[in-house]
Amino acid sequence: MTLILIAYLGGILTILSPCILPVLPFVFARAGRPFLTSTLPLMAGLAVMFAGIATLAAIGGAWAVQANQWGRWIAIALLATFGLMMVFPAFGDRVMAPLQTLGGRLSERVRPGGTEGLNEAFGSLILGLATGLLWAPCAGPILGLILTGAALNGASASTSLLLLAYALGAATSMALALLVGGRVLKAMKGYLKHERTVRRVLGVLVLGGVAAIALGLDRGVLTRISAASTERIEQGLLGLGGMGHTAPEAAGNDFRDYGPAPEITGATQWLQGGPLTLADLRGKVVLIDFWTYSCINCLRTLPHVAQWDRLYREHGLVVVGVHAPEFAFERDPANVRRAVDDLGITYPVALDNDFTIWRAYQNRFWPAHFFIDANGRLRHVRLGEGETDRSEAIIRTLLMEAGATRLPPPAGGAEAQGVMAADSGAERSPETYLGTARGENRVEGPTLAPDQWALDGAWTREAERAVLTGPDGAIRYRFRGRDVHLVLASTTGQPIRFRVTINGQPPGEAAGADVSASGQGTIRDQRLYQLIRLPTAGEGELKIEFLGPGAAAYAFTFG
């Protein structure tokens, strides 16, 4: 119940966000109309359509997003027609004439009461559904958390209920604005004494909203303005509800007895052995490593996990990798098998594409380590990377508890190169997603502030990625840190060349593991690419130019 209330309050806060502005003219166009036959159907249509589209986008993949793109243009055409009908009454009469039998009368000439009251309700519902298709509110912390949970946990009634609560909250705040707007319009009519003039003014506002949405201002400029307008309030709500991101150091990091460990059954496939169960492993110390192969934090942890496996396997340690995908391409077993081979992983790996094991352990992080003793009891949890010496000490303690003797000296850390090299610990830019579901800090124009990014050329932004549709294009990012990584893929199935520069110059000695000194690189696999590795942490403007269509960019990470 708490989560539903927080989602509802988060929706209410959207009225304070500038990115809601393009939608308001469609709402105010019904100002002054009866609540039951106009306002209520309008808000119901908006809430239901948004919740449905958001659910599909979160759990259905790119096809649902593409379907929504078609829906947006249909809705834009519908609402543009609606605005023209308000500005030009004669045009509205001609358009409405053949639609009388359908009850789709959307012009302001419809009057409540009798059969026409039903027509007005139907027209308001259609208008609400169309507005819901266009509505792309800024993904603040609350909506971002709901969408991320939906993507990880799959389809569920609770996901749709949370999204509906969020949409109902937004609809409530807009309904209140509509009531206020109705009073303003009533006062205006008293001064103007010409209802048609008021209607034309509203029609112009509707057309302005349509233009703003068609030009992408609702997803670009206004999103940028909105980023900080409600985030602090939303984070406060999440804190009160015990939600949001928990610092790894504060989440279950004690060495104690947590009780029987959950089973590790439910994997969609096993690589390099298995299937395994904890019953099979009784008497062994088990380390479960939740990871995904495009996660930089996971990749930096893998050398330590592999070293523990080599050092302590014959003394009773069993390492089980649980691969829980973050992006759609990480669900492909062939991609994971290739990554396992490339990374030199020799222990069993469970493909947890349905997040069954993830949910059993109530996990929320990549990477996450769960330490299980020889009696099958969970003894320690490490969320996030770091503290490898302590983790190794806990492994040694559990092995000795199980009766192991003559353990080798502690490894004391593992040397790694390329993307698996240790985090610099320096101040750095935040992890940045390029898709619409969690994308933040995107700007338009040539000038970037720190941690901002921009797309040059023809791109289509889907829920979890941006795809280059033109013959060439670029991504620019003003970054802070030592390392710059970007998850990339080719949608064409063919290699795609790219070129990297820093502050307009080839990277030289600052080239990452996947880039030459002249800045040349090629997308061949769906994975994380290291673009930049500075000698010391600093800042600069990265530009990655793609020399062919079909490049897909998912997320930046920094070290």
Protein backbone atom coordinates (compact mmCIF):
# COMPACT_ATOMS: atom_id res chain seq x y z
CA MET A 1 0.00 0.00 0.00
CA THR A 2 2.90 2.33 0.80
CA LEU A 3 4.38 1.84 -2.65
CA ILE A 4 1.06 2.63 -4.32
CA LEU A 5 0.71 5.81 -2.26
CA ILE A 6 4.25 6.92 -3.14
CA ALA A 7 3.60 6.23 -6.83
CA TYR A 8 0.37 8.27 -6.63
CA LEU A 9 2.14 11.20 -4.93
CA GLY A 10 4.92 11.00 -7.53
CA GLY A 11 2.30 11.36 -10.25
CA ILE A 12 0.82 14.41 -8.55
CA LEU A 13 4.26 16.04 -8.59
CA THR A 14 4.34 15.97 -12.39
CA ILE A 15 2.16 19.09 -12.45
CA LEU A 16 5.19 20.96 -11.05
CA SER A 17 7.42 19.75 -13.87
CA PRO A 18 7.80 21.87 -17.05
CA CYS A 19 7.75 18.73 -19.21
CA ILE A 20 4.01 18.44 -18.58
CA LEU A 21 3.39 21.78 -20.32
CA PRO A 22 2.75 20.44 -23.86
CA VAL A 23 -0.07 18.24 -22.54
CA LEU A 24 -1.89 20.95 -20.57
CA PRO A 25 -3.49 22.68 -23.59
CA PHE A 26 -5.34 19.45 -24.46
CA VAL A 27 -6.59 19.27 -20.90
CA PHE A 28 -7.58 22.94 -20.69
CA ALA A 29 -9.45 22.61 -23.97
CA ARG A 30 -12.18 20.88 -21.94
CA ALA A 31 -12.23 23.54 -19.22
CA GLY A 32 -15.67 24.62 -18.16
CA ARG A 33 -17.32 21.36 -19.27
CA PRO A 34 -19.31 19.09 -16.88
CA PHE A 35 -17.17 16.88 -14.65
CA LEU A 36 -18.92 13.56 -15.29
CA THR A 37 -19.19 13.81 -19.06
CA SER A 38 -15.96 15.70 -19.81
CA THR A 39 -13.29 15.91 -17.11
CA LEU A 40 -13.70 12.38 -15.70
CA PRO A 41 -13.59 10.52 -19.07
CA LEU A 42 -10.66 12.68 -20.18
CA MET A 43 -8.59 11.86 -17.10
CA ALA A 44 -9.58 8.20 -17.14
CA GLY A 45 -8.50 7.85 -20.77
CA LEU A 46 -5.19 9.60 -20.07
CA ALA A 47 -4.39 7.44 -17.03
CA VAL A 48 -5.36 4.12 -18.63
CA MET A 49 -3.48 4.79 -21.86
CA PHE A 50 -0.30 5.94 -20.10
CA ALA A 51 -0.31 2.99 -17.69
CA GLY A 52 -0.84 0.54 -20.55
CA ILE A 53 1.87 1.99 -22.78
CA ALA A 54 4.35 2.30 -19.88
CA THR A 55 3.73 -1.32 -18.87
CA LEU A 56 4.30 -2.54 -22.42
CA ALA A 57 7.41 -0.41 -22.83
CA ALA A 58 8.85 -1.70 -19.55
CA ILE A 59 8.23 -5.41 -20.13
CA GLY A 60 7.58 -5.85 -23.82
CA GLY A 61 10.80 -4.65 -25.39
CA ALA A 62 11.50 -2.44 -28.36
CA TRP A 63 8.44 -3.54 -30.39
CA ALA A 64 6.12 -1.89 -27.88
CA VAL A 65 8.13 1.31 -27.99
CA GLN A 66 7.99 1.31 -31.79
CA ALA A 67 4.22 0.75 -31.64
CA ASN A 68 3.95 3.73 -29.34
CA GLN A 69 5.91 5.85 -31.84
CA TRP A 70 3.21 5.14 -34.45
CA GLY A 71 0.58 5.86 -31.83
CA ARG A 72 2.19 9.20 -31.02
CA TRP A 73 1.99 10.35 -34.63
CA ILE A 74 -1.62 9.19 -34.93
CA ALA A 75 -2.42 11.06 -31.72
CA ILE A 76 -0.59 14.16 -32.95
CA ALA A 77 -2.67 14.12 -36.14
CA LEU A 78 -5.89 13.62 -34.16
CA LEU A 79 -5.16 16.45 -31.73
CA ALA A 80 -3.95 18.77 -34.48
CA THR A 81 -7.30 18.23 -36.18
CA PHE A 82 -9.02 18.93 -32.87
CA GLY A 83 -7.10 22.20 -32.50
CA LEU A 84 -7.93 23.29 -36.06
CA MET A 85 -11.59 22.57 -35.42
CA MET A 86 -11.50 24.92 -32.44
CA VAL A 87 -9.73 27.68 -34.37
CA PHE A 88 -11.91 27.31 -37.49
CA PRO A 89 -15.49 26.41 -36.53
CA ALA A 90 -16.57 25.94 -40.17
CA PHE A 91 -13.83 23.33 -40.61
CA GLY A 92 -14.99 21.66 -37.40
CA ASP A 93 -18.55 21.45 -38.68
CA ARG A 94 -17.41 19.70 -41.86
CA VAL A 95 -15.21 17.23 -39.98
CA MET A 96 -17.84 16.40 -37.39
CA ALA A 97 -20.72 15.90 -39.77
CA PRO A 98 -19.85 12.32 -40.85
CA LEU A 99 -18.91 11.29 -37.31
CA GLN A 100 -22.23 12.00 -35.64
CA THR A 101 -23.22 8.34 -35.58
CA LEU A 102 -19.98 7.38 -33.82
CA GLY A 103 -20.43 9.83 -31.00
CA GLY A 104 -16.94 11.16 -31.66
CA ARG A 105 -17.88 14.80 -31.49
CA LEU A 106 -14.74 16.47 -30.18
CA SER A 107 -15.52 20.13 -30.91
CA GLU A 108 -16.62 22.49 -28.22
CA ARG A 109 -20.10 22.73 -29.81
CA VAL A 110 -21.14 19.53 -28.04
CA ARG A 111 -23.49 20.22 -25.13
CA PRO A 112 -24.04 18.00 -22.06
CA GLY A 113 -27.31 16.26 -21.41
CA GLY A 114 -29.31 13.63 -23.24
CA THR A 115 -27.71 11.76 -26.11
CA GLU A 116 -25.21 14.54 -26.73
CA GLY A 117 -23.98 14.13 -23.15
CA LEU A 118 -22.94 10.60 -24.09
CA ASN A 119 -21.26 11.99 -27.20
CA GLU A 120 -19.32 14.46 -25.08
CA ALA A 121 -18.21 11.72 -22.68
CA PHE A 122 -17.08 9.55 -25.59
CA GLY A 123 -15.24 12.46 -27.21
CA SER A 124 -13.51 13.33 -23.93
CA LEU A 125 -12.48 9.70 -23.48
CA ILE A 126 -10.98 9.61 -26.99
CA LEU A 127 -9.17 12.88 -26.29
CA GLY A 128 -7.82 11.44 -23.02
CA LEU A 129 -6.57 8.30 -24.75
CA ALA A 130 -4.83 10.37 -27.42
CA THR A 131 -3.26 12.62 -24.76
CA GLY A 132 -2.06 9.53 -22.88
CA LEU A 133 -0.22 8.40 -26.01
CA LEU A 134 1.57 11.74 -26.20
CA TRP A 135 2.30 12.10 -22.54
CA ALA A 136 6.02 11.48 -21.93
CA PRO A 137 6.65 12.76 -18.40
CA CYS A 138 10.20 13.18 -17.21
CA ALA A 139 11.50 9.96 -15.69
CA GLY A 140 12.11 11.16 -12.17
CA PRO A 141 13.30 8.85 -9.37
CA ILE A 142 9.84 7.39 -8.63
CA LEU A 143 8.82 6.62 -12.22
CA GLY A 144 12.35 5.44 -12.99
CA LEU A 145 12.24 3.01 -10.05
CA ILE A 146 8.84 1.63 -11.16
CA LEU A 147 9.98 1.16 -14.77
CA THR A 148 13.26 -0.45 -13.71
CA GLY A 149 11.44 -2.84 -11.41
CA ALA A 150 9.05 -3.73 -14.21
CA ALA A 151 11.90 -4.44 -16.60
CA LEU A 152 13.70 -6.66 -14.08
CA ASN A 153 10.76 -8.51 -12.58
CA GLY A 154 8.61 -8.98 -15.67
CA ALA A 155 4.88 -8.66 -16.14
CA SER A 156 2.82 -8.51 -12.98
CA ALA A 157 -0.37 -6.99 -11.66
CA SER A 158 1.65 -5.00 -9.09
CA THR A 159 3.70 -3.33 -11.84
CA SER A 160 0.60 -2.23 -13.74
CA LEU A 161 -1.03 -1.10 -10.49
CA LEU A 162 1.96 1.09 -9.58
CA LEU A 163 2.01 2.63 -13.06
CA LEU A 164 -1.73 3.23 -12.91
CA ALA A 165 -1.35 4.85 -9.47
CA TYR A 166 1.35 7.13 -10.89
CA ALA A 167 -0.86 8.05 -13.86
CA LEU A 168 -3.90 8.63 -11.61
CA GLY A 169 -1.79 10.96 -9.47
CA ALA A 170 -0.89 13.00 -12.54
CA ALA A 171 -4.50 12.94 -13.71
CA THR A 172 -5.65 14.18 -10.29
CA SER A 173 -3.28 17.14 -10.35
CA MET A 174 -4.31 18.00 -13.91
CA ALA A 175 -7.99 17.70 -12.98
CA LEU A 176 -7.45 20.24 -10.21
CA ALA A 177 -5.68 22.50 -12.71
CA LEU A 178 -8.62 22.02 -15.05
CA LEU A 179 -11.07 23.16 -12.37
CA VAL A 180 -9.00 26.28 -11.81
CA GLY A 181 -8.72 26.78 -15.56
CA GLY A 182 -12.49 26.52 -15.89
CA ARG A 183 -12.98 29.38 -13.46
CA VAL A 184 -10.41 31.47 -15.35
CA LEU A 185 -12.21 30.78 -18.63
CA LYS A 186 -15.54 31.72 -17.09
CA ALA A 187 -14.06 35.04 -16.01
CA MET A 188 -12.56 35.54 -19.46
CA LYS A 189 -15.91 34.93 -21.11
CA GLY A 190 -17.43 37.59 -18.91
CA TYR A 191 -14.93 40.12 -20.23
CA LEU A 192 -14.72 38.98 -23.82
CA LYS A 193 -18.43 38.18 -24.23
CA HIS A 194 -17.46 35.98 -27.15
CA GLU A 195 -17.20 32.26 -26.46
CA ARG A 196 -15.86 31.65 -29.95
CA THR A 197 -12.86 33.90 -29.23
CA VAL A 198 -12.04 31.91 -26.10
CA ARG A 199 -12.35 28.68 -28.05
CA ARG A 200 -10.00 29.96 -30.75
CA VAL A 201 -7.42 30.96 -28.15
CA LEU A 202 -7.59 27.46 -26.71
CA GLY A 203 -7.29 26.00 -30.20
CA VAL A 204 -4.09 27.96 -30.79
CA LEU A 205 -2.71 26.63 -27.50
CA VAL A 206 -3.61 23.08 -28.55
CA LEU A 207 -1.80 23.53 -31.87
CA GLY A 208 1.18 24.93 -29.99
CA GLY A 209 1.22 21.84 -27.78
CA VAL A 210 1.04 19.60 -30.85
CA ALA A 211 3.97 21.46 -32.42
CA ALA A 212 6.03 21.17 -29.22
CA ILE A 213 5.47 17.42 -29.07
CA ALA A 214 6.09 16.90 -32.80
CA LEU A 215 9.41 18.78 -32.47
CA GLY A 216 10.41 16.65 -29.48
CA LEU A 217 10.47 19.51 -27.00
CA ASP A 218 8.55 17.39 -24.50
CA ARG A 219 11.47 14.91 -24.52
CA GLY A 220 14.34 17.33 -25.01
CA VAL A 221 14.43 20.91 -23.78
CA LEU A 222 11.61 20.58 -21.25
CA THR A 223 13.03 17.32 -19.91
CA ARG A 224 16.30 19.13 -19.28
CA ILE A 225 14.56 21.95 -17.44
CA SER A 226 12.52 19.44 -15.45
CA ALA A 227 15.38 17.27 -14.29
CA ALA A 228 15.92 19.07 -10.99
CA SER A 229 12.46 20.56 -10.46
CA THR A 230 10.89 17.65 -8.56
CA GLU A 231 13.76 15.20 -8.06
CA ARG A 232 14.58 16.34 -4.52
CA ILE A 233 10.93 16.02 -3.44
CA GLU A 234 10.65 12.58 -5.08
CA GLN A 235 13.84 11.37 -3.42
CA GLY A 236 12.38 12.47 -0.10
CA LEU A 237 9.24 10.43 -0.74
CA LEU A 238 11.34 7.40 -1.67
CA GLY A 239 13.34 7.80 1.51
CA LEU A 240 10.20 7.93 3.66
CA GLY A 241 8.97 4.76 1.98
CA GLY A 242 12.27 2.93 2.33
CA MET A 243 12.68 2.77 -1.45
CA GLY A 244 15.33 3.86 -3.90
CA HIS A 245 19.00 3.00 -4.15
CA THR A 246 20.64 1.74 -0.98
CA ALA A 247 24.34 2.30 -0.54
CA PRO A 248 26.13 -1.08 -0.79
CA GLU A 249 27.96 -0.47 2.48
CA ALA A 250 24.63 -0.14 4.30
CA ALA A 251 22.83 -3.13 2.82
CA GLY A 252 23.30 -6.47 4.52
CA ASN A 253 27.07 -6.28 4.89
CA ASP A 254 27.40 -8.03 8.25
CA PHE A 255 29.09 -11.39 8.81
CA ARG A 256 26.43 -13.34 10.67
CA ASP A 257 23.80 -16.05 10.23
CA TYR A 258 20.97 -14.82 8.00
CA GLY A 259 19.20 -18.18 8.03
CA PRO A 260 18.78 -20.82 5.30
CA ALA A 261 19.90 -19.57 1.90
CA PRO A 262 17.29 -19.53 -0.90
CA GLU A 263 17.63 -22.20 -3.56
CA ILE A 264 19.36 -21.49 -6.87
CA THR A 265 16.80 -23.26 -9.05
CA GLY A 266 14.79 -21.65 -11.86
CA ALA A 267 17.61 -20.79 -14.27
CA THR A 268 16.65 -20.81 -17.94
CA GLN A 269 19.96 -22.48 -18.84
CA TRP A 270 23.30 -23.45 -17.33
CA LEU A 271 26.75 -22.99 -18.85
CA GLN A 272 29.83 -25.00 -17.85
CA GLY A 273 28.08 -27.47 -15.58
CA GLY A 274 24.86 -27.72 -13.68
CA PRO A 275 22.08 -27.54 -13.03
CA LEU A 276 23.09 -27.21 -9.40
CA THR A 277 21.11 -26.95 -6.19
CA LEU A 278 22.20 -26.05 -2.68
CA ALA A 279 21.20 -29.56 -1.64
CA ASP A 280 23.76 -30.88 -4.12
CA LEU A 281 26.37 -28.53 -2.66
CA ARG A 282 25.78 -29.26 1.03
CA GLY A 283 29.16 -29.52 2.74
CA LYS A 284 30.66 -26.96 0.34
CA VAL A 285 31.14 -23.22 0.86
CA VAL A 286 29.22 -21.47 -1.92
CA LEU A 287 29.79 -18.01 -3.38
CA ILE A 288 26.94 -16.79 -5.59
CA ASP A 289 27.97 -13.94 -7.88
CA PHE A 290 25.12 -11.98 -9.52
CA TRP A 291 26.49 -10.28 -12.62
CA THR A 292 25.80 -9.28 -16.20
CA TYR A 293 28.44 -9.09 -18.88
CA SER A 294 28.03 -5.43 -19.92
CA CYS A 295 28.20 -4.11 -16.33
CA ILE A 296 31.53 -2.39 -15.68
CA ASN A 297 31.29 -2.95 -11.91
CA CYS A 298 30.77 -6.67 -12.54
CA LEU A 299 33.70 -6.83 -14.96
CA ARG A 300 36.00 -5.16 -12.44
CA THR A 301 34.95 -7.73 -9.82
CA LEU A 302 35.35 -10.83 -12.02
CA PRO A 303 39.18 -11.11 -11.73
CA HIS A 304 38.85 -11.43 -7.95
CA VAL A 305 36.05 -14.00 -8.20
CA ALA A 306 38.02 -16.04 -10.74
CA GLN A 307 41.10 -15.91 -8.51
CA TRP A 308 39.14 -17.16 -5.49
CA ASP A 309 37.75 -19.98 -7.61
CA ARG A 310 41.24 -21.06 -8.71
CA LEU A 311 42.76 -20.70 -5.26
CA TYR A 312 40.10 -22.33 -3.08
CA ARG A 313 38.20 -24.75 -5.33
CA GLU A 314 40.12 -27.79 -4.15
CA HIS A 315 39.62 -26.69 -0.53
CA GLY A 316 35.82 -26.74 -0.73
CA LEU A 317 34.72 -23.49 -2.41
CA VAL A 318 32.13 -23.58 -5.20
CA VAL A 319 31.55 -20.39 -7.18
CA VAL A 320 28.23 -20.07 -9.02
CA GLY A 321 27.77 -17.17 -11.41
CA VAL A 322 24.18 -16.03 -11.83
CA HIS A 323 23.90 -13.99 -15.02
CA ALA A 324 20.89 -11.64 -14.69
CA PRO A 325 20.58 -9.52 -17.86
CA GLU A 326 20.16 -5.75 -17.74
CA PHE A 327 19.65 -5.25 -21.49
CA ALA A 328 17.68 -7.33 -23.99
CA PHE A 329 20.75 -8.56 -25.92
CA GLU A 330 22.15 -10.02 -22.68
CA ARG A 331 19.30 -12.54 -22.70
CA ASP A 332 20.78 -14.29 -25.73
CA PRO A 333 22.59 -17.44 -24.48
CA ALA A 334 25.03 -17.25 -27.40
CA ASN A 335 26.09 -13.73 -26.35
CA VAL A 336 26.56 -14.83 -22.74
CA ARG A 337 28.51 -17.95 -23.79
CA ARG A 338 30.82 -15.80 -25.91
CA ALA A 339 31.36 -13.41 -23.00
CA VAL A 340 32.06 -16.28 -20.59
CA ASP A 341 34.67 -17.66 -22.99
CA ASP A 342 36.26 -14.25 -23.62
CA LEU A 343 36.42 -13.49 -19.89
CA GLY A 344 37.99 -16.87 -19.06
CA ILE A 345 35.28 -17.91 -16.59
CA THR A 346 35.60 -21.60 -15.66
CA TYR A 347 32.96 -22.01 -12.94
CA PRO A 348 29.24 -22.83 -13.58
CA VAL A 349 27.05 -19.94 -14.75
CA ALA A 350 23.25 -19.95 -14.42
CA LEU A 351 21.34 -17.84 -16.95
CA ASP A 352 18.66 -16.14 -14.86
CA ASN A 353 16.73 -14.55 -17.74
CA ASP A 354 13.44 -14.69 -15.81
CA PHE A 355 15.08 -13.24 -12.66
CA THR A 356 13.86 -16.21 -10.63
CA ILE A 357 17.04 -16.56 -8.58
CA TRP A 358 17.41 -12.76 -8.43
CA ARG A 359 13.97 -12.46 -6.79
CA ALA A 360 14.57 -15.42 -4.49
CA TYR A 361 17.58 -13.57 -3.05
CA GLN A 362 15.75 -10.21 -3.12
CA ASN A 363 18.72 -8.78 -4.96
CA ARG A 364 18.85 -5.26 -6.43
CA PHE A 365 22.46 -4.80 -7.49
CA TRP A 366 25.08 -5.74 -10.09
CA PRO A 367 27.37 -7.16 -8.83
CA ALA A 368 26.17 -8.83 -5.64
CA HIS A 369 27.93 -11.60 -3.71
CA PHE A 370 26.11 -13.99 -1.39
CA PHE A 371 28.28 -16.21 0.85
CA ILE A 372 26.75 -19.53 1.98
CA ASP A 373 28.36 -21.84 4.53
CA ALA A 374 28.71 -25.63 4.36
CA ASN A 375 25.37 -26.05 6.17
CA GLY A 376 23.46 -24.11 3.49
CA ARG A 377 23.03 -20.97 5.57
CA LEU A 378 23.54 -17.44 4.25
CA ARG A 379 26.35 -15.80 6.22
CA HIS A 380 27.38 -12.66 4.38
CA VAL A 381 26.17 -10.33 1.60
CA ARG A 382 28.31 -7.91 -0.37
CA LEU A 383 26.43 -5.52 -2.68
CA GLY A 384 28.52 -3.67 -5.22
CA GLU A 385 32.24 -3.87 -5.90
CA GLY A 386 35.02 -3.31 -3.42
CA GLU A 387 36.28 -4.75 -0.09
CA THR A 388 37.77 -7.75 -1.88
CA ASP A 389 40.21 -8.45 0.97
CA ARG A 390 37.34 -8.73 3.43
CA SER A 391 35.38 -10.97 1.06
CA GLU A 392 38.36 -13.30 0.73
CA ALA A 393 38.78 -13.35 4.51
CA ILE A 394 35.15 -14.41 4.89
CA ILE A 395 35.64 -17.21 2.33
CA ARG A 396 38.64 -18.46 4.31
CA THR A 397 36.71 -18.30 7.59
CA LEU A 398 33.79 -20.31 6.16
CA LEU A 399 36.18 -22.90 4.70
CA MET A 400 37.92 -23.32 8.05
CA GLU A 401 34.53 -23.65 9.77
CA ALA A 402 33.83 -26.49 7.32
CA GLY A 403 37.06 -28.24 8.36
CA ALA A 404 39.46 -27.09 5.65
CA THR A 405 43.12 -27.02 6.63
CA ARG A 406 46.37 -25.93 4.99
CA LEU A 407 44.75 -23.12 3.07
CA PRO A 408 47.09 -21.26 0.71
CA PRO A 409 48.16 -17.72 1.61
CA PRO A 410 45.54 -15.04 0.81
CA ALA A 411 45.64 -13.78 -2.76
CA GLY A 412 45.43 -10.17 -1.62
CA GLY A 413 43.95 -8.82 -4.84
CA ALA A 414 44.09 -9.65 -8.53
CA GLU A 415 45.85 -7.84 -11.34
CA ALA A 416 43.59 -6.98 -14.27
CA GLN A 417 43.91 -5.08 -17.52
CA GLY A 418 41.54 -3.23 -19.84
CA VAL A 419 37.95 -2.81 -18.77
CA MET A 420 38.48 -5.17 -15.80
CA ALA A 421 41.13 -2.92 -14.25
CA ALA A 422 40.27 -1.52 -10.85
CA ASP A 423 38.17 1.58 -10.37
CA SER A 424 40.30 4.72 -9.98
CA GLY A 425 38.22 5.92 -7.04
CA ALA A 426 38.24 9.44 -8.47
CA GLU A 427 35.23 11.71 -8.78
CA ARG A 428 33.42 10.72 -11.95
CA SER A 429 30.30 11.21 -14.02
CA PRO A 430 27.27 9.11 -13.07
CA GLU A 431 26.15 6.04 -14.98
CA THR A 432 24.12 7.45 -17.88
CA TYR A 433 21.45 5.60 -19.87
CA LEU A 434 20.65 6.73 -23.41
CA GLY A 435 17.16 5.19 -23.71
CA THR A 436 13.92 6.95 -22.85
CA ALA A 437 13.14 4.80 -19.79
CA ARG A 438 16.01 6.12 -17.68
CA GLY A 439 17.71 8.73 -19.84
CA GLU A 440 18.85 11.88 -18.02
CA ASN A 441 21.02 14.95 -18.73
CA ARG A 442 20.51 14.93 -22.49
CA VAL A 443 20.71 18.39 -24.10
CA GLU A 444 20.31 19.97 -27.52
CA GLY A 445 22.91 22.24 -29.11
CA PRO A 446 26.70 22.43 -29.25
CA THR A 447 27.48 23.40 -25.66
CA LEU A 448 27.69 20.78 -22.91
CA ALA A 449 28.00 21.26 -19.17
CA PRO A 450 29.69 18.55 -17.07
CA ASP A 451 27.80 15.22 -17.18
CA GLN A 452 25.60 16.33 -20.08
CA TRP A 453 25.37 14.53 -23.42
CA ALA A 454 23.90 15.11 -26.87
CA LEU A 455 23.00 13.18 -30.02
CA ASP A 456 24.08 14.48 -33.45
CA GLY A 457 22.38 13.13 -36.55
CA ALA A 458 19.22 11.05 -37.00
CA TRP A 459 18.58 8.85 -33.95
CA THR A 460 15.58 6.93 -32.64
CA ARG A 461 15.42 6.63 -28.86
CA GLU A 462 13.83 3.44 -27.58
CA ALA A 463 13.22 2.40 -23.98
CA GLU A 464 16.74 1.13 -23.28
CA ARG A 465 18.85 2.45 -26.16
CA ALA A 466 19.40 5.06 -28.86
CA VAL A 467 19.67 3.72 -32.43
CA LEU A 468 21.36 5.60 -35.29
CA THR A 469 18.98 5.63 -38.28
CA GLY A 470 20.93 8.03 -40.52
CA PRO A 471 24.06 7.28 -42.56
CA ASP A 472 26.26 8.69 -39.81
CA GLY A 473 25.91 10.35 -36.43
CA ALA A 474 27.67 11.05 -33.15
CA ILE A 475 27.30 11.10 -29.39
CA ARG A 476 28.98 13.82 -27.33
CA TYR A 477 29.56 13.63 -23.56
CA ARG A 478 31.25 16.06 -21.17
CA PHE A 479 32.69 13.55 -18.71
CA ARG A 480 34.61 13.47 -15.44
CA GLY A 481 36.81 10.54 -14.40
CA ARG A 482 39.58 8.33 -15.75
CA ASP A 483 37.77 5.68 -17.80
CA VAL A 484 34.86 6.03 -20.22
CA HIS A 485 32.87 2.94 -21.21
CA LEU A 486 29.84 2.63 -23.48
CA VAL A 487 27.60 -0.39 -24.07
CA LEU A 488 27.24 -0.74 -27.85
CA ALA A 489 25.63 -3.10 -30.36
CA SER A 490 24.99 -3.33 -34.09
CA THR A 491 21.34 -3.67 -35.12
CA THR A 492 22.29 -4.60 -38.68
CA GLY A 493 24.34 -7.68 -37.80
CA GLN A 494 27.32 -6.11 -39.61
CA PRO A 495 30.41 -4.49 -38.04
CA ILE A 496 30.10 -0.72 -37.64
CA ARG A 497 33.19 1.47 -37.48
CA PHE A 498 33.44 4.40 -35.10
CA ARG A 499 35.95 7.15 -34.28
CA VAL A 500 36.63 8.62 -30.82
CA THR A 501 38.08 12.04 -30.02
CA ILE A 502 38.70 13.97 -26.79
CA ASN A 503 38.34 17.71 -27.02
CA GLY A 504 38.50 17.34 -30.79
CA GLN A 505 41.77 15.34 -30.83
CA PRO A 506 42.56 11.61 -31.22
CA PRO A 507 42.98 9.96 -27.80
CA GLY A 508 46.60 8.82 -28.29
CA GLU A 509 47.87 7.29 -25.03
CA ALA A 510 44.42 7.86 -23.49
CA ALA A 511 42.80 5.34 -25.87
CA GLY A 512 40.76 2.64 -24.17
CA ALA A 513 41.13 -1.10 -24.68
CA ASP A 514 38.70 -1.11 -27.64
CA VAL A 515 40.10 1.95 -29.43
CA SER A 516 43.35 2.60 -31.27
CA ALA A 517 45.58 5.59 -30.55
CA SER A 518 44.06 7.32 -33.59
CA GLY A 519 40.59 6.79 -32.10
CA GLN A 520 39.42 4.01 -34.46
CA GLY A 521 37.18 1.22 -33.24
CA THR A 522 34.59 -1.26 -34.51
CA ILE A 523 31.34 -2.56 -33.06
CA ARG A 524 31.42 -6.33 -33.56
CA ASP A 525 29.69 -7.76 -30.49
CA GLN A 526 26.92 -6.60 -28.19
CA ARG A 527 28.92 -5.62 -25.11
CA LEU A 528 30.63 -2.89 -23.12
CA TYR A 529 33.44 -1.05 -24.95
CA GLN A 530 36.23 0.87 -23.21
CA LEU A 531 36.66 4.11 -25.16
CA ILE A 532 38.95 6.19 -22.94
CA ARG A 533 41.50 5.45 -20.22
CA LEU A 534 43.27 8.63 -19.13
CA PRO A 535 46.65 8.37 -17.36
CA THR A 536 45.03 10.16 -14.41
CA ALA A 537 41.46 11.18 -13.70
CA GLY A 538 40.34 14.39 -15.34
CA GLU A 539 37.58 15.74 -17.53
CA GLY A 540 36.96 16.46 -21.17
CA GLU A 541 34.46 16.28 -24.00
CA LEU A 542 34.22 12.89 -25.63
CA LYS A 543 32.86 12.51 -29.15
CA ILE A 544 32.18 9.14 -30.70
CA GLU A 545 31.30 9.27 -34.40
CA PHE A 546 29.63 6.27 -36.04
CA LEU A 547 30.45 5.71 -39.69
CA GLY A 548 27.33 3.80 -40.67
CA PRO A 549 23.69 3.31 -39.66
CA GLY A 550 22.46 0.76 -37.13
CA ALA A 551 24.70 1.59 -34.16
CA ALA A 552 22.84 1.12 -30.87
CA ALA A 553 24.13 2.86 -27.72
CA TYR A 554 22.79 1.81 -24.31
CA ALA A 555 24.67 3.27 -21.34
CA PHE A 556 27.84 5.14 -20.36
CA THR A 557 29.78 4.12 -17.26
CA PHE A 558 32.87 5.77 -15.82
CA GLY A 559 35.80 4.80 -13.65
